[in-house]
Amino acid sequence: MTAHPAHPAHTSAQSPQSAEPPEAAPLIDLRTLVVAVRRRRRLWCSLAVLGFLAGAALAVLRPPPPTAVTKVLVAHQEDQPNDTGTLIRTDVELLGTTRIAGQALKALKSPLKPEDFMRDYRGTGLTNNLLQIEVTGASDKEAVARAKALADAFVADHVRRIRDAAKAESKALLKQRDRMREELARVNEAIGGRSPGGDPKESASIESLFARRAELNSRIADFDQRAAEARTGTPRLISGTQIVDDPRAVWHSLPKSAATNAAIGLVLGLVVGLAVAAVGTVVADRPVLRREIALNLGASVIAELPRVPRRPVVPWQRRRTRVARERLTQTLARAVRGAPDGVSLLELGCAHSTCALALDVARALAAEGPVVVVDGLPGPQLAHRRERPGDPAVVSGEQLAGTPHQGRRLGVGSVAPGTTWTDLSYLGGQTVLVVRAGHGSAAWLHTVARQLADLRIAVIGVVLIDPDPRDRTDGTLWDGPHTALRGPYERPARQNGAGPMRTERPSRVAARVPDSDQEAR
């Protein structure tokens, strides 16, 4: 047995790479993530459309209740130019109390509980002194009446609190003034009971009493002035707190509301769809790029085909697909001619496309001699096909065992989960994997490569179905063993019975596949 010399392109490409340490695989490949999310555009587009329709339907089926709005100007005694809005936020919280709600309900003569009424309105501080009140009701008229009663109740409560505060402050100031007056009377009495004399100590005591009397008179005058200011400022605050915008019903536009809700639903649905697609892509770990599929299967990608459409397509797409299928058919036909022990097409996620491709190859070989297509698929894709005049015979594995071997043999099988691996050897000693991009996980592609290597089924290459049109990665394993489509090579053929070993043009055994992702990295 003579060994085939190494391919020059393979040797030159392999030697520099063997000296370099392998690069660590990233935890999340951004390019792969973007491609996988784009391929799942049906999911996030469907969720976006669903959110759009749900938003529009929500606006139609649940329109906003009748609403009235009013604005109240609120004057505070502690108003400052640099106020950060603390006072108006306090007013908003006071508006949402049972006291004001109860006063409004009394004015409306409504039997509703204040706790229930508080759910139907809300206050918003527009500025430091402007409060907006929004109230809902069963009708526009009721909403306006509720807003009027609520605003009046808030103004009355605010005015009452201002008056109570002014009265309390004035009363406290006057009480302090009265205590000062009593002390002043005692000082005056002490001054009147003494006569000026020549004693220096007596003179100093009298001077201190006069100074105390002057201080008390000043403080009494100050308390009188502050009490007067407290009483005088109250009318200014009371008149400054008023309703500046009369209650009015808010007009709701159904088309505008539907458009707004639909836009919000569209954005939310799109975001949720993209998030679900991204998380599903990371969790599923299904290779999409041809480079990753080739590395996981240990075989080069030799051709790509779009998925067989189940609906009419445009003429130029049909012509492009037909040219690609004819080219691939010729390539696979040459591989079958040079394989004495038969070639099989093993599908993963694309049984329909694999059946169509197998029938095309069989028809191309039928002109040169008899061809038998061995149906090893678990489904009825080949058995229930629409036959054409001159189509090759399709037999199952049981029928193949009882018929003599005549002509070429082309097997069609599956490597999907649940496959009986030992039956794949009867389909052919060499195989072409027909894999749909993004269908199998990386772990399952490792399993397929390991099982085929254990069965000594040589992998000629991979035909990628439904690839990403923007994929620019290289699907060729330049540092791997030769494939059948690159050049001749030899391997010991299987022995049937007690026959001697014979030398033939073998295809390569699938490369060793690591047991885990850590070993692969």
Protein backbone atom coordinates (compact mmCIF):
# COMPACT_ATOMS: atom_id res chain seq x y z
CA MET A 1 0.00 0.00 0.00
CA THR A 2 1.48 3.32 -1.07
CA ALA A 3 0.89 6.48 0.90
CA HIS A 4 -0.25 9.51 -0.98
CA PRO A 5 2.12 12.48 -0.59
CA ALA A 6 0.96 15.44 1.40
CA HIS A 7 -0.90 18.11 -0.47
CA PRO A 8 1.33 21.18 -0.91
CA ALA A 9 -1.35 23.66 0.01
CA HIS A 10 -2.21 21.64 3.07
CA THR A 11 1.43 21.36 4.16
CA SER A 12 2.16 25.05 3.75
CA ALA A 13 -0.96 26.02 5.62
CA GLN A 14 -0.48 23.53 8.40
CA SER A 15 3.14 24.16 9.34
CA PRO A 16 2.80 27.79 10.51
CA GLN A 17 -0.38 27.05 12.40
CA SER A 18 1.16 24.10 14.24
CA ALA A 19 3.76 26.40 15.80
CA GLU A 20 1.21 28.88 17.13
CA PRO A 21 -0.73 28.14 20.35
CA PRO A 22 -4.49 27.74 19.89
CA GLU A 23 -6.54 30.82 20.61
CA ALA A 24 -9.02 30.67 23.47
CA ALA A 25 -12.61 30.68 22.28
CA PRO A 26 -14.64 33.62 23.60
CA LEU A 27 -17.55 32.91 25.89
CA ILE A 28 -19.94 34.82 23.60
CA ASP A 29 -19.06 35.44 19.97
CA LEU A 30 -20.71 38.70 19.01
CA ARG A 31 -20.73 37.88 15.31
CA THR A 32 -22.35 34.52 15.89
CA LEU A 33 -24.88 36.11 18.24
CA VAL A 34 -25.84 38.76 15.70
CA VAL A 35 -26.17 36.21 12.90
CA ALA A 36 -28.25 33.84 15.03
CA VAL A 37 -30.56 36.64 16.19
CA ARG A 38 -30.97 37.83 12.62
CA ARG A 39 -31.86 34.31 11.52
CA ARG A 40 -34.59 34.23 14.16
CA ARG A 41 -36.18 37.36 12.77
CA ARG A 42 -39.48 35.58 12.45
CA LEU A 43 -39.63 35.31 16.22
CA TRP A 44 -38.89 38.93 17.10
CA CYS A 45 -40.81 40.28 14.12
CA SER A 46 -43.82 38.23 15.20
CA LEU A 47 -43.53 39.52 18.76
CA ALA A 48 -43.18 43.08 17.49
CA VAL A 49 -46.30 42.71 15.34
CA LEU A 50 -48.11 41.06 18.24
CA GLY A 51 -47.19 43.96 20.51
CA PHE A 52 -48.32 46.42 17.86
CA LEU A 53 -51.70 44.73 17.48
CA ALA A 54 -52.10 44.29 21.25
CA GLY A 55 -51.43 47.99 21.83
CA ALA A 56 -53.92 49.06 19.18
CA ALA A 57 -56.52 46.58 20.45
CA LEU A 58 -56.02 47.77 24.02
CA ALA A 59 -56.73 51.35 22.99
CA VAL A 60 -59.94 50.28 21.23
CA LEU A 61 -61.23 47.75 23.75
CA ARG A 62 -60.25 49.68 26.89
CA PRO A 63 -60.48 53.39 26.13
CA PRO A 64 -59.45 55.80 28.88
CA PRO A 65 -62.29 56.79 31.26
CA PRO A 66 -63.82 60.30 31.13
CA THR A 67 -61.34 62.64 32.75
CA ALA A 68 -61.49 66.24 33.97
CA VAL A 69 -58.55 68.45 34.85
CA THR A 70 -58.15 71.64 36.84
CA LYS A 71 -55.24 73.76 38.09
CA VAL A 72 -54.87 75.41 41.48
CA LEU A 73 -52.43 78.20 42.40
CA VAL A 74 -51.10 77.50 45.89
CA ALA A 75 -49.44 80.25 47.99
CA HIS A 76 -47.12 79.25 50.80
CA GLN A 77 -45.88 81.33 53.66
CA GLU A 78 -42.46 79.67 53.38
CA ASP A 79 -42.07 80.27 49.62
CA GLN A 80 -38.45 80.78 48.58
CA PRO A 81 -36.97 81.40 45.10
CA ASN A 82 -34.59 78.48 45.53
CA ASP A 83 -37.24 76.00 46.69
CA THR A 84 -36.68 72.53 45.17
CA GLY A 85 -40.38 71.65 45.09
CA THR A 86 -40.73 70.31 48.60
CA LEU A 87 -43.78 72.45 49.39
CA ILE A 88 -45.72 71.50 46.25
CA ARG A 89 -44.91 67.82 46.83
CA THR A 90 -46.32 68.20 50.30
CA ASP A 91 -49.51 69.66 48.80
CA VAL A 92 -49.75 66.70 46.41
CA GLU A 93 -49.53 64.29 49.33
CA LEU A 94 -52.10 66.30 51.28
CA LEU A 95 -54.44 66.11 48.30
CA GLY A 96 -54.35 62.32 48.57
CA THR A 97 -55.66 62.23 52.14
CA THR A 98 -59.03 61.01 53.34
CA ARG A 99 -59.82 64.41 54.90
CA ILE A 100 -59.82 66.27 51.59
CA ALA A 101 -61.47 63.33 49.80
CA GLY A 102 -64.19 63.25 52.47
CA GLN A 103 -64.82 66.99 52.18
CA ALA A 104 -65.17 66.67 48.40
CA LEU A 105 -67.57 63.76 48.76
CA LYS A 106 -69.67 65.79 51.24
CA ALA A 107 -69.92 68.57 48.70
CA LEU A 108 -70.94 66.05 46.04
CA LYS A 109 -73.33 64.28 48.46
CA SER A 110 -71.85 60.98 47.33
CA PRO A 111 -72.04 57.80 49.42
CA LEU A 112 -68.65 56.68 48.10
CA LYS A 113 -65.95 55.99 50.64
CA PRO A 114 -62.98 58.36 50.70
CA GLU A 115 -60.58 55.42 50.28
CA ASP A 116 -62.33 54.41 47.06
CA PHE A 117 -62.57 57.97 45.80
CA MET A 118 -58.84 58.49 46.25
CA ARG A 119 -58.18 55.94 43.50
CA ASP A 120 -60.04 58.10 40.97
CA TYR A 121 -57.87 61.21 41.12
CA ARG A 122 -54.29 62.29 41.36
CA GLY A 123 -52.34 65.51 41.77
CA THR A 124 -49.25 66.67 39.94
CA GLY A 125 -46.98 69.55 40.88
CA LEU A 126 -46.30 71.51 37.71
CA THR A 127 -44.27 74.25 39.40
CA ASN A 128 -43.49 75.28 42.98
CA ASN A 129 -46.91 76.94 43.28
CA LEU A 130 -49.07 75.31 40.59
CA LEU A 131 -50.96 72.09 41.29
CA GLN A 132 -52.82 70.11 38.61
CA ILE A 133 -55.66 67.81 39.62
CA GLU A 134 -56.92 65.01 37.33
CA VAL A 135 -60.17 63.25 38.21
CA THR A 136 -61.98 60.41 36.45
CA GLY A 137 -65.69 59.66 36.53
CA ALA A 138 -68.47 57.73 34.87
CA SER A 139 -69.11 60.64 32.48
CA ASP A 140 -67.55 63.94 31.55
CA LYS A 141 -70.11 65.82 33.61
CA GLU A 142 -69.43 63.76 36.70
CA ALA A 143 -65.66 64.10 36.21
CA VAL A 144 -65.94 67.89 35.99
CA ALA A 145 -68.12 68.02 39.12
CA ARG A 146 -65.64 65.84 40.99
CA ALA A 147 -62.72 68.04 39.94
CA LYS A 148 -64.57 71.19 41.05
CA ALA A 149 -65.45 69.72 44.45
CA LEU A 150 -61.94 68.38 44.97
CA ALA A 151 -60.29 71.70 44.06
CA ASP A 152 -62.66 73.62 46.36
CA ALA A 153 -61.99 71.18 49.18
CA PHE A 154 -58.23 71.53 48.73
CA VAL A 155 -58.39 75.35 48.64
CA ALA A 156 -60.64 75.42 51.73
CA ASP A 157 -58.36 73.09 53.61
CA HIS A 158 -55.27 75.08 52.61
CA VAL A 159 -56.90 78.38 53.69
CA ARG A 160 -58.01 76.87 56.98
CA ARG A 161 -54.51 75.67 57.69
CA ILE A 162 -53.10 79.11 56.87
CA ARG A 163 -55.60 80.82 59.20
CA ASP A 164 -54.99 78.35 61.99
CA ALA A 165 -51.26 78.85 61.66
CA ALA A 166 -51.65 82.66 61.67
CA LYS A 167 -53.95 82.58 64.69
CA ALA A 168 -51.61 80.29 66.59
CA GLU A 169 -48.62 82.46 65.78
CA SER A 170 -50.46 85.68 66.71
CA LYS A 171 -51.71 84.16 69.94
CA ALA A 172 -48.22 83.05 70.92
CA LEU A 173 -46.79 86.49 70.17
CA LEU A 174 -49.50 88.26 72.16
CA LYS A 175 -48.95 85.92 75.07
CA GLN A 176 -45.27 86.79 75.04
CA ARG A 177 -46.21 90.49 74.90
CA ASP A 178 -48.50 90.13 77.90
CA ARG A 179 -45.71 88.51 79.93
CA MET A 180 -43.42 91.36 79.00
CA ARG A 181 -46.05 93.88 80.09
CA GLU A 182 -46.39 92.20 83.48
CA GLU A 183 -42.64 92.29 83.94
CA LEU A 184 -42.64 95.95 82.83
CA ALA A 185 -45.24 96.75 85.49
CA ARG A 186 -43.05 95.22 88.15
CA VAL A 187 -40.04 97.18 86.91
CA ASN A 188 -42.02 100.44 86.95
CA GLU A 189 -43.20 99.69 90.47
CA ALA A 190 -39.62 99.08 91.59
CA ILE A 191 -38.48 102.32 90.01
CA GLY A 192 -41.32 104.28 91.62
CA GLY A 193 -40.56 102.97 95.10
CA ARG A 194 -37.02 104.35 95.11
CA SER A 195 -35.82 107.92 95.46
CA PRO A 196 -32.61 109.21 93.96
CA GLY A 197 -29.87 109.54 96.53
CA GLY A 198 -26.20 110.05 96.79
CA ASP A 199 -25.41 106.38 97.30
CA PRO A 200 -23.52 105.12 94.22
CA LYS A 201 -24.86 101.59 94.58
CA GLU A 202 -28.43 102.81 94.68
CA SER A 203 -27.84 104.94 91.63
CA ALA A 204 -26.45 101.94 89.70
CA SER A 205 -29.47 99.82 90.62
CA ILE A 206 -31.85 102.51 89.44
CA GLU A 207 -29.95 102.81 86.14
CA SER A 208 -30.21 99.04 85.57
CA LEU A 209 -33.98 99.18 86.17
CA PHE A 210 -34.36 102.00 83.67
CA ALA A 211 -32.34 99.99 81.12
CA ARG A 212 -34.53 96.93 81.74
CA ARG A 213 -37.67 99.04 81.27
CA ALA A 214 -36.40 100.34 77.97
CA GLU A 215 -35.60 96.79 76.79
CA LEU A 216 -39.05 95.56 77.81
CA ASN A 217 -40.76 98.41 75.99
CA SER A 218 -38.78 97.58 72.84
CA ARG A 219 -39.64 93.89 73.02
CA ILE A 220 -43.32 94.61 73.64
CA ALA A 221 -43.42 96.84 70.60
CA ASP A 222 -41.67 94.11 68.58
CA PHE A 223 -44.20 91.46 69.66
CA ASP A 224 -47.07 93.80 68.75
CA GLN A 225 -45.57 94.39 65.32
CA ARG A 226 -44.98 90.67 64.66
CA ALA A 227 -48.51 89.80 65.75
CA ALA A 228 -49.87 92.47 63.45
CA GLU A 229 -47.75 91.17 60.54
CA ALA A 230 -48.98 87.64 61.14
CA ARG A 231 -52.57 88.84 60.99
CA THR A 232 -51.86 91.07 58.01
CA GLY A 233 -50.11 88.38 55.89
CA THR A 234 -52.94 85.90 56.13
CA PRO A 235 -55.29 87.64 53.64
CA ARG A 236 -52.46 87.78 51.11
CA LEU A 237 -51.90 84.04 51.31
CA ILE A 238 -55.61 83.32 51.29
CA SER A 239 -56.22 85.42 48.21
CA GLY A 240 -53.17 83.87 46.50
CA THR A 241 -54.57 80.33 46.79
CA GLN A 242 -57.24 79.97 44.13
CA ILE A 243 -58.41 77.93 41.13
CA VAL A 244 -56.71 79.42 38.09
CA ASP A 245 -58.01 76.92 35.51
CA ASP A 246 -61.64 75.93 35.80
CA PRO A 247 -62.38 72.20 35.62
CA ARG A 248 -62.83 70.97 32.08
CA ALA A 249 -63.25 67.58 30.43
CA VAL A 250 -60.22 66.13 28.66
CA TRP A 251 -60.87 65.11 25.07
CA HIS A 252 -59.38 61.75 24.08
CA SER A 253 -58.63 60.99 20.42
CA LEU A 254 -59.11 57.30 19.70
CA PRO A 255 -56.82 57.25 16.61
CA LYS A 256 -54.09 59.08 18.49
CA SER A 257 -54.43 56.84 21.51
CA ALA A 258 -54.41 53.73 19.31
CA ALA A 259 -51.32 54.94 17.43
CA THR A 260 -49.50 55.73 20.67
CA ASN A 261 -50.35 52.40 22.29
CA ALA A 262 -49.49 50.54 19.08
CA ALA A 263 -46.08 52.24 18.88
CA ILE A 264 -45.36 51.41 22.52
CA GLY A 265 -46.46 47.81 21.99
CA LEU A 266 -44.31 47.57 18.86
CA VAL A 267 -41.20 48.74 20.70
CA LEU A 268 -41.85 46.51 23.71
CA GLY A 269 -42.55 43.49 21.53
CA LEU A 270 -39.41 44.11 19.50
CA VAL A 271 -37.26 44.45 22.61
CA VAL A 272 -38.75 41.31 24.17
CA GLY A 273 -38.33 39.39 20.91
CA LEU A 274 -34.69 40.40 20.53
CA ALA A 275 -34.00 39.52 24.15
CA VAL A 276 -35.67 36.11 23.82
CA ALA A 277 -33.82 35.41 20.57
CA ALA A 278 -30.47 36.41 22.08
CA VAL A 279 -30.97 34.36 25.25
CA GLY A 280 -32.22 31.38 23.26
CA THR A 281 -29.20 31.59 20.97
CA VAL A 282 -26.73 31.63 23.85
CA VAL A 283 -28.49 28.80 25.70
CA ALA A 284 -29.04 26.56 22.65
CA ASP A 285 -25.45 26.98 21.35
CA ARG A 286 -26.34 26.06 17.76
CA PRO A 287 -23.59 26.92 15.27
CA VAL A 288 -24.68 29.04 12.33
CA LEU A 289 -21.47 30.17 10.66
CA ARG A 290 -19.84 27.75 8.23
CA ARG A 291 -16.53 28.00 10.11
CA GLU A 292 -18.09 26.77 13.36
CA ILE A 293 -20.04 23.99 11.65
CA ALA A 294 -16.89 22.75 9.90
CA LEU A 295 -14.88 22.79 13.14
CA ASN A 296 -17.56 20.96 15.10
CA LEU A 297 -18.05 18.27 12.44
CA GLY A 298 -14.36 17.96 11.53
CA ALA A 299 -15.15 18.29 7.82
CA SER A 300 -15.01 21.12 5.32
CA VAL A 301 -18.05 22.80 3.84
CA ILE A 302 -17.98 21.90 0.16
CA ALA A 303 -21.21 23.55 -0.98
CA GLU A 304 -24.16 25.65 0.14
CA LEU A 305 -27.76 25.52 -0.91
CA PRO A 306 -30.79 27.51 0.09
CA ARG A 307 -33.54 25.54 1.72
CA VAL A 308 -36.01 23.96 -0.69
CA PRO A 309 -38.89 26.45 -0.76
CA ARG A 310 -42.40 25.25 -0.04
CA ARG A 311 -43.96 28.27 -1.65
CA PRO A 312 -43.46 30.07 -4.98
CA VAL A 313 -40.32 32.20 -5.24
CA VAL A 314 -39.28 34.94 -7.62
CA PRO A 315 -37.79 33.84 -10.98
CA TRP A 316 -34.22 35.03 -10.35
CA GLN A 317 -34.05 33.21 -7.04
CA ARG A 318 -35.35 30.05 -8.67
CA ARG A 319 -32.72 30.31 -11.41
CA ARG A 320 -29.90 30.93 -8.93
CA THR A 321 -30.98 27.96 -6.81
CA ARG A 322 -31.23 25.72 -9.86
CA VAL A 323 -27.69 26.60 -11.01
CA ALA A 324 -26.29 25.92 -7.52
CA ARG A 325 -28.08 22.56 -7.30
CA GLU A 326 -26.88 21.49 -10.73
CA ARG A 327 -23.29 22.31 -9.80
CA LEU A 328 -23.57 20.40 -6.51
CA THR A 329 -25.25 17.48 -8.28
CA GLN A 330 -22.32 17.14 -10.66
CA THR A 331 -19.84 17.29 -7.77
CA LEU A 332 -21.64 14.60 -5.80
CA ALA A 333 -22.05 12.46 -8.91
CA ARG A 334 -18.28 12.44 -9.41
CA ALA A 335 -17.82 11.40 -5.77
CA VAL A 336 -20.27 8.52 -6.18
CA ARG A 337 -18.53 7.31 -9.35
CA GLY A 338 -15.23 7.06 -7.51
CA ALA A 339 -16.61 5.25 -4.44
CA PRO A 340 -16.85 1.47 -4.92
CA ASP A 341 -18.63 0.91 -1.60
CA GLY A 342 -21.23 3.62 -2.14
CA VAL A 343 -21.84 7.12 -0.86
CA SER A 344 -24.58 8.23 1.48
CA LEU A 345 -26.23 11.57 2.14
CA LEU A 346 -26.93 12.02 5.84
CA GLU A 347 -29.23 14.85 6.76
CA LEU A 348 -29.55 16.93 9.91
CA GLY A 349 -32.61 19.14 9.97
CA CYS A 350 -33.21 19.16 6.20
CA ALA A 351 -34.78 15.88 5.14
CA HIS A 352 -36.78 17.46 2.33
CA SER A 353 -33.73 19.14 0.77
CA THR A 354 -31.66 15.97 1.17
CA CYS A 355 -34.27 13.86 -0.63
CA ALA A 356 -34.42 16.31 -3.50
CA LEU A 357 -30.62 16.38 -3.74
CA ALA A 358 -30.35 12.59 -3.65
CA LEU A 359 -32.89 12.20 -6.42
CA ASP A 360 -31.04 14.74 -8.56
CA VAL A 361 -27.75 12.86 -8.12
CA ALA A 362 -29.46 9.53 -8.87
CA ARG A 363 -31.02 10.90 -12.04
CA ALA A 364 -27.62 12.22 -13.18
CA LEU A 365 -26.07 8.77 -12.64
CA ALA A 366 -28.98 6.86 -14.16
CA ALA A 367 -27.79 7.75 -17.66
CA GLU A 368 -24.55 5.79 -17.04
CA GLY A 369 -26.05 2.67 -15.48
CA PRO A 370 -28.44 1.33 -12.90
CA VAL A 371 -28.65 3.27 -9.67
CA VAL A 372 -30.31 2.24 -6.44
CA VAL A 373 -31.33 4.79 -3.81
CA VAL A 374 -31.35 3.27 -0.33
CA ASP A 375 -33.94 4.94 1.87
CA GLY A 376 -32.69 5.05 5.45
CA LEU A 377 -34.73 8.04 6.57
CA PRO A 378 -37.01 7.63 9.56
CA GLY A 379 -39.79 9.51 7.77
CA PRO A 380 -41.73 8.84 4.55
CA GLN A 381 -40.08 11.61 2.51
CA LEU A 382 -38.65 9.27 -0.12
CA ALA A 383 -41.27 6.52 0.08
CA HIS A 384 -44.16 8.93 -0.54
CA ARG A 385 -42.43 11.06 -3.13
CA ARG A 386 -44.02 12.06 -6.42
CA GLU A 387 -42.40 9.73 -8.96
CA ARG A 388 -41.31 10.87 -12.39
CA PRO A 389 -40.78 8.72 -15.49
CA GLY A 390 -37.26 7.28 -15.43
CA ASP A 391 -36.65 7.84 -11.72
CA PRO A 392 -34.21 5.41 -10.08
CA ALA A 393 -35.46 2.68 -7.82
CA VAL A 394 -35.84 3.48 -4.14
CA VAL A 395 -35.49 0.58 -1.74
CA SER A 396 -35.36 0.34 2.01
CA GLY A 397 -32.63 -1.30 4.05
CA GLU A 398 -34.58 -4.56 4.40
CA GLN A 399 -35.23 -4.74 0.65
CA LEU A 400 -31.56 -4.05 -0.07
CA ALA A 401 -30.46 -7.08 1.94
CA GLY A 402 -32.61 -9.40 -0.18
CA THR A 403 -31.68 -8.06 -3.61
CA PRO A 404 -28.40 -8.61 -5.46
CA HIS A 405 -26.08 -5.62 -5.70
CA GLN A 406 -26.23 -4.20 -9.20
CA GLY A 407 -25.00 -0.81 -10.29
CA ARG A 408 -24.22 2.11 -8.09
CA ARG A 409 -25.73 2.69 -4.69
CA LEU A 410 -26.68 6.00 -3.10
CA GLY A 411 -27.86 5.96 0.48
CA VAL A 412 -30.01 8.55 2.18
CA GLY A 413 -30.12 8.63 5.97
CA SER A 414 -30.33 10.84 8.99
CA VAL A 415 -28.03 11.76 11.88
CA ALA A 416 -30.75 13.46 13.88
CA PRO A 417 -31.22 12.56 17.56
CA GLY A 418 -32.58 9.03 17.84
CA THR A 419 -30.57 7.67 14.90
CA THR A 420 -29.54 4.03 14.89
CA TRP A 421 -25.86 4.55 14.21
CA THR A 422 -25.04 0.96 13.25
CA ASP A 423 -27.47 1.13 10.31
CA LEU A 424 -25.52 3.94 8.69
CA SER A 425 -22.73 1.58 7.58
CA TYR A 426 -25.11 -0.13 5.13
CA LEU A 427 -25.86 3.14 3.38
CA GLY A 428 -22.27 3.66 2.21
CA GLY A 429 -18.66 3.72 3.28
CA GLN A 430 -18.41 7.43 2.54
CA THR A 431 -20.88 10.13 3.32
CA VAL A 432 -21.77 13.73 2.67
CA LEU A 433 -23.40 15.49 5.61
CA VAL A 434 -26.30 17.71 4.59
CA VAL A 435 -26.77 20.05 7.55
CA ARG A 436 -29.14 22.95 8.01
CA ALA A 437 -27.39 25.92 9.57
CA GLY A 438 -28.48 26.64 13.13
CA HIS A 439 -30.33 23.34 13.57
CA GLY A 440 -28.03 21.13 15.59
CA SER A 441 -26.23 22.13 18.75
CA ALA A 442 -22.46 22.08 19.03
CA ALA A 443 -22.63 19.07 21.36
CA TRP A 444 -24.71 17.11 18.87
CA LEU A 445 -22.39 17.95 15.99
CA HIS A 446 -19.54 16.59 18.13
CA THR A 447 -21.58 13.43 18.69
CA VAL A 448 -22.19 12.99 14.96
CA ALA A 449 -18.49 13.37 14.15
CA ARG A 450 -17.46 10.91 16.87
CA GLN A 451 -20.04 8.29 15.87
CA LEU A 452 -19.05 8.44 12.21
CA ALA A 453 -15.38 8.16 13.19
CA ASP A 454 -16.14 5.10 15.33
CA LEU A 455 -18.04 3.53 12.42
CA ARG A 456 -15.12 4.34 10.08
CA ILE A 457 -17.47 6.19 7.76
CA ALA A 458 -15.41 8.75 5.88
CA VAL A 459 -16.89 12.23 5.66
CA ILE A 460 -16.37 13.68 2.19
CA GLY A 461 -17.66 17.09 3.19
CA VAL A 462 -20.58 19.11 4.42
CA VAL A 463 -23.35 20.61 2.35
CA LEU A 464 -24.77 23.58 4.22
CA ILE A 465 -28.49 24.19 3.78
CA ASP A 466 -30.06 27.59 4.40
CA PRO A 467 -26.78 29.42 5.18
CA ASP A 468 -26.64 32.97 6.34
CA PRO A 469 -26.27 35.21 3.25
CA ARG A 470 -23.89 37.55 5.11
CA ASP A 471 -21.60 34.80 6.37
CA ARG A 472 -18.04 35.52 5.20
CA THR A 473 -16.24 32.94 7.32
CA ASP A 474 -14.13 30.16 5.79
CA GLY A 475 -15.65 26.69 6.02
CA THR A 476 -12.53 24.85 4.87
CA LEU A 477 -10.37 22.96 7.35
CA TRP A 478 -6.92 23.79 5.97
CA ASP A 479 -5.15 22.17 8.89
CA GLY A 480 -7.13 18.93 8.76
CA PRO A 481 -6.68 15.68 6.79
CA HIS A 482 -7.47 15.53 3.10
CA THR A 483 -11.04 15.04 2.01
CA ALA A 484 -12.15 12.90 -0.90
CA LEU A 485 -12.84 15.98 -3.02
CA ARG A 486 -9.24 17.27 -2.67
CA GLY A 487 -7.30 14.32 -3.93
CA PRO A 488 -6.76 10.55 -3.87
CA TYR A 489 -5.93 8.66 -0.73
CA GLU A 490 -6.19 5.08 0.47
CA ARG A 491 -7.63 3.18 3.39
CA PRO A 492 -8.34 -0.53 4.01
CA ALA A 493 -11.77 -1.47 2.77
CA ARG A 494 -14.32 -3.30 4.88
CA GLN A 495 -14.29 -7.07 4.59
CA ASN A 496 -17.47 -8.79 3.51
CA GLY A 497 -17.39 -12.28 4.95
CA ALA A 498 -13.96 -13.93 4.75
CA GLY A 499 -12.71 -12.03 1.72
CA PRO A 500 -9.21 -10.57 1.73
CA MET A 501 -8.44 -6.97 2.45
CA ARG A 502 -8.31 -4.85 -0.67
CA THR A 503 -6.84 -1.48 -1.35
CA GLU A 504 -9.11 1.24 -2.67
CA ARG A 505 -9.36 5.00 -2.74
CA PRO A 506 -10.58 5.64 0.77
CA SER A 507 -12.06 8.78 2.18
CA ARG A 508 -10.72 10.20 5.41
CA VAL A 509 -11.96 9.24 8.83
CA ALA A 510 -13.57 12.09 10.70
CA ALA A 511 -11.15 14.01 12.89
CA ARG A 512 -11.13 13.39 16.62
CA VAL A 513 -13.73 15.50 18.36
CA PRO A 514 -13.13 16.79 21.92
CA ASP A 515 -15.38 15.50 24.66
CA SER A 516 -16.25 18.91 26.12
CA ASP A 517 -16.25 22.58 25.27
CA GLN A 518 -13.28 23.13 27.60
CA GLU A 519 -11.21 20.53 25.73
CA ALA A 520 -12.26 22.10 22.43
CA ARG A 521 -11.04 25.50 23.55
